[in-house]
Protein backbone atom coordinates (compact mmCIF):
# COMPACT_ATOMS: atom_id res chain seq x y z
CA MET A 1 90.49 105.94 132.04
CA ILE A 2 92.66 104.11 132.99
CA LEU A 3 93.10 100.84 131.98
CA PRO A 4 92.36 98.12 134.71
CA ASP A 5 95.23 95.78 135.00
CA GLY A 6 95.36 92.17 133.29
CA TYR A 7 94.11 92.19 129.44
CA SER A 8 92.60 94.78 127.39
CA ASP A 9 90.92 94.05 124.00
CA VAL A 10 91.57 95.89 121.36
CA PRO A 11 88.81 96.30 118.59
CA THR A 12 89.51 94.23 115.22
CA GLY A 13 91.02 97.28 112.52
CA LYS A 14 92.70 98.62 115.24
CA ILE A 15 96.42 98.90 116.82
CA ALA A 16 97.73 99.01 120.16
CA ALA A 17 100.86 100.98 121.57
CA VAL A 18 102.96 101.78 124.37
CA VAL A 19 103.71 104.99 124.33
CA THR A 20 106.82 105.96 126.62
CA HIS A 21 107.73 109.69 127.11
CA LEU A 22 111.34 110.53 127.63
CA GLU A 23 112.56 114.37 128.96
CA MET A 24 115.92 116.30 130.22
CA ASN A 25 115.94 119.20 131.73
CA ALA A 26 119.38 120.24 131.11
CA PRO A 27 121.64 119.38 128.72
CA PRO A 28 123.47 116.18 128.43
CA VAL A 29 127.65 115.21 127.99
CA ARG A 30 127.31 115.47 124.42
CA ARG A 31 128.75 111.92 122.65
CA ASP A 32 131.12 111.55 120.42
CA ASP A 33 130.33 112.16 116.35
CA PRO A 34 130.62 108.65 114.67
CA PRO A 35 132.53 108.37 111.56
CA GLY A 36 130.39 109.26 108.37
CA THR A 37 129.75 111.85 105.83
CA TRP A 38 126.27 113.27 107.00
CA THR A 39 125.28 116.71 106.66
CA LEU A 40 121.97 118.73 108.60
CA ARG A 41 120.17 120.66 106.27
CA LYS A 42 117.49 122.89 107.86
CA VAL A 43 114.34 122.72 105.22
CA ASP A 44 112.53 125.90 105.39
CA ALA A 45 108.80 125.57 104.41
CA PRO A 46 109.05 122.92 103.24
CA ALA A 47 106.65 121.01 100.05
CA PRO A 48 104.50 118.61 101.59
CA ALA A 49 105.45 116.58 98.85
CA TRP A 50 108.75 116.65 99.85
CA TYR A 51 108.14 116.08 103.65
CA ARG A 52 105.73 113.28 102.80
CA ASP A 53 108.25 111.30 101.13
CA LEU A 54 110.72 111.53 103.88
CA TYR A 55 108.64 110.92 106.58
CA ARG A 56 107.00 107.90 104.78
CA ARG A 57 110.80 106.42 104.27
CA VAL A 58 111.82 106.83 107.36
CA GLY A 59 108.65 106.05 109.28
CA GLU A 60 106.77 103.59 107.13
CA GLU A 61 108.05 100.68 108.85
CA TRP A 62 107.73 101.58 112.29
CA LEU A 63 104.00 103.08 111.22
CA TRP A 64 104.24 106.17 111.58
CA PHE A 65 100.98 107.14 110.19
CA SER A 66 99.24 110.58 111.62
CA ARG A 67 100.83 112.81 109.16
CA ALA A 68 99.80 110.83 106.27
CA ARG A 69 96.63 110.93 107.21
CA MET A 70 96.30 114.71 106.68
CA SER A 71 95.79 116.91 103.72
CA ASP A 72 98.25 119.15 102.39
CA THR A 73 96.87 121.88 103.88
CA GLU A 74 96.52 120.55 107.28
CA LEU A 75 100.42 119.33 106.73
CA ALA A 76 101.68 122.32 105.84
CA ALA A 77 99.60 124.43 108.21
CA ILE A 78 101.88 122.11 111.19
CA ILE A 79 105.26 122.11 109.23
CA HIS A 80 104.72 125.81 108.57
CA ALA A 81 103.82 127.07 111.87
CA PRO A 82 106.30 129.95 113.46
CA GLY A 83 108.29 127.87 116.44
CA ILE A 84 108.17 124.63 114.12
CA GLU A 85 111.48 123.45 112.96
CA VAL A 86 112.35 120.71 109.92
CA TYR A 87 115.66 119.55 108.83
CA ALA A 88 117.09 117.00 106.64
CA LEU A 89 119.92 114.40 107.51
CA ALA A 90 121.08 114.30 103.85
CA VAL A 91 123.54 111.45 102.56
CA GLU A 92 125.48 112.22 99.40
CA GLY A 93 122.73 114.30 98.20
CA ARG A 94 119.65 112.36 99.45
CA ASP A 95 117.51 113.51 102.39
CA GLU A 96 117.48 109.93 104.74
CA GLY A 97 116.86 111.40 108.43
CA LEU A 98 114.20 113.44 109.50
CA LEU A 99 114.09 115.73 112.55
CA GLU A 100 110.88 118.01 113.62
CA LEU A 101 111.66 120.29 116.45
CA ASP A 102 108.60 122.29 117.82
CA PHE A 103 109.48 125.40 119.78
CA ARG A 104 106.02 126.28 120.07
CA GLU A 105 105.80 126.35 124.24
CA PRO A 106 107.78 128.87 126.10
CA GLY A 107 110.85 126.88 127.87
CA GLN A 108 110.36 123.64 125.88
CA CYS A 109 111.00 121.55 122.64
CA GLU A 110 109.68 118.37 121.57
CA LEU A 111 111.58 116.12 119.18
CA VAL A 112 108.30 115.49 117.22
CA TYR A 113 109.64 113.20 114.35
CA PHE A 114 113.30 111.46 114.45
CA GLY A 115 114.48 108.81 112.54
CA VAL A 116 116.63 107.42 109.67
CA THR A 117 115.93 105.24 106.87
CA ALA A 118 116.30 102.25 106.97
CA GLY A 119 119.91 101.48 105.48
CA LEU A 120 121.41 103.70 107.73
CA ILE A 121 119.99 102.10 111.10
CA GLY A 122 122.95 100.63 113.23
CA THR A 123 125.51 103.45 110.78
CA GLY A 124 126.06 106.12 113.39
CA ALA A 125 123.26 108.61 111.58
CA ALA A 126 121.29 108.53 114.32
CA ARG A 127 123.95 109.67 117.12
CA PHE A 128 124.86 112.19 114.57
CA LEU A 129 121.41 113.20 113.81
CA MET A 130 120.61 113.38 117.82
CA ASN A 131 123.40 115.53 118.99
CA ARG A 132 122.67 118.10 116.08
CA ALA A 133 118.98 117.71 117.54
CA LEU A 134 120.38 118.48 120.85
CA GLU A 135 122.73 120.93 119.96
CA LEU A 136 119.69 122.93 118.66
CA ALA A 137 117.56 122.31 121.48
CA TRP A 138 119.31 123.73 123.77
CA SER A 139 120.54 126.60 121.82
CA ARG A 140 117.45 127.89 122.42
CA ASP A 141 115.96 129.11 125.81
CA VAL A 142 114.40 126.09 127.15
CA ARG A 143 114.57 124.59 130.31
CA ARG A 144 112.80 120.99 128.89
CA VAL A 145 113.69 118.98 126.00
CA TRP A 146 111.06 115.65 125.12
CA VAL A 147 110.54 112.68 123.08
CA HIS A 148 108.09 109.80 122.82
CA THR A 149 108.35 106.45 121.46
CA CYS A 150 106.22 103.68 121.18
CA THR A 151 106.57 99.43 121.14
CA PHE A 152 105.53 100.36 117.18
CA ASP A 153 109.19 101.94 116.78
CA HIS A 154 112.78 99.80 116.42
CA PRO A 155 113.01 98.09 119.76
CA SER A 156 116.26 99.93 120.39
CA ALA A 157 114.46 103.34 120.48
CA VAL A 158 114.08 103.75 124.00
CA ALA A 159 117.55 102.78 125.13
CA PHE A 160 118.81 105.21 122.42
CA TYR A 161 117.01 107.69 123.79
CA GLN A 162 118.38 107.05 127.52
CA ARG A 163 121.95 106.91 126.00
CA SER A 164 121.68 110.37 124.68
CA GLY A 165 120.55 111.56 128.15
CA PHE A 166 116.35 111.85 128.10
CA ARG A 167 114.83 110.26 131.29
CA PRO A 168 111.24 107.96 130.79
CA PHE A 169 109.13 109.99 132.97
CA ARG A 170 105.02 108.69 131.27
CA ARG A 171 103.96 105.74 130.02
CA GLN A 172 100.33 105.48 127.89
CA VAL A 173 98.48 103.44 125.62
CA GLU A 174 97.70 104.45 122.06
CA ILE A 175 94.96 102.98 120.07
CA ALA A 176 94.39 103.80 116.42
CA ASP A 177 92.53 102.67 113.40
CA ASP A 178 95.56 100.34 111.93
CA PRO A 179 96.64 102.60 108.93
CA ARG A 180 97.84 99.47 106.75
CA LEU A 181 93.18 98.59 106.36
CA ASP A 182 92.32 101.97 105.02
CA GLY A 183 95.86 102.43 102.13
CA THR A 184 97.31 104.86 104.44
CA ALA A 185 100.66 102.48 104.72
CA PRO A 186 100.90 99.24 102.27
CA ARG A 187 99.49 96.23 103.72
CA ASP A 188 102.94 94.64 104.27
CA ALA A 189 104.45 97.71 106.66
CA ALA A 190 105.16 96.49 109.71
CA LYS A 191 105.53 93.38 110.05
CA GLN A 192 106.00 92.93 113.67
CA VAL A 193 102.87 94.59 113.90
CA PRO A 194 100.08 91.41 112.88
CA ILE A 195 96.90 93.31 111.20
CA ILE A 196 93.72 91.61 112.80
CA GLU A 197 90.74 92.32 110.79
């Protein structure tokens, strides 16, 4: 269904975001790493509890909710699947960034989840993480690396991805139940998105 021009009502209890898909079809010019003491570690067969904690700490303020609504069995089936790789950005021994790569589609890599915790925003940690993400993605036999972001994410997300070498190619509107109304996210999360009930 194509939305008509003009305003479209969003039912109470729902949220609506504009999703921007971005891609690159060749490795970009590598950006220098910013100064910092971050390290990246691969997490083989991540425990659902560990994954949920990091996912929440990175994404709750931006209303990441899809994985939070899954059962442990559903979540493990995805994050343990062949072709899925999960990495943590570590700072002084604590995991403070999440990178999930999906190589299941031949010739492609999706950056499924990418982000750092609030205290690292603006420190260069995300650029360090993106440099590692692109190195990992392009180290495989891929012709395309892609990611999507939405209007709930950090306001600089699209510009950050573009500076990293991605170009926008598709826009969608996503409508979902507000995760703050069913307890998936705290009611005070994402103050930039008002609750309408």
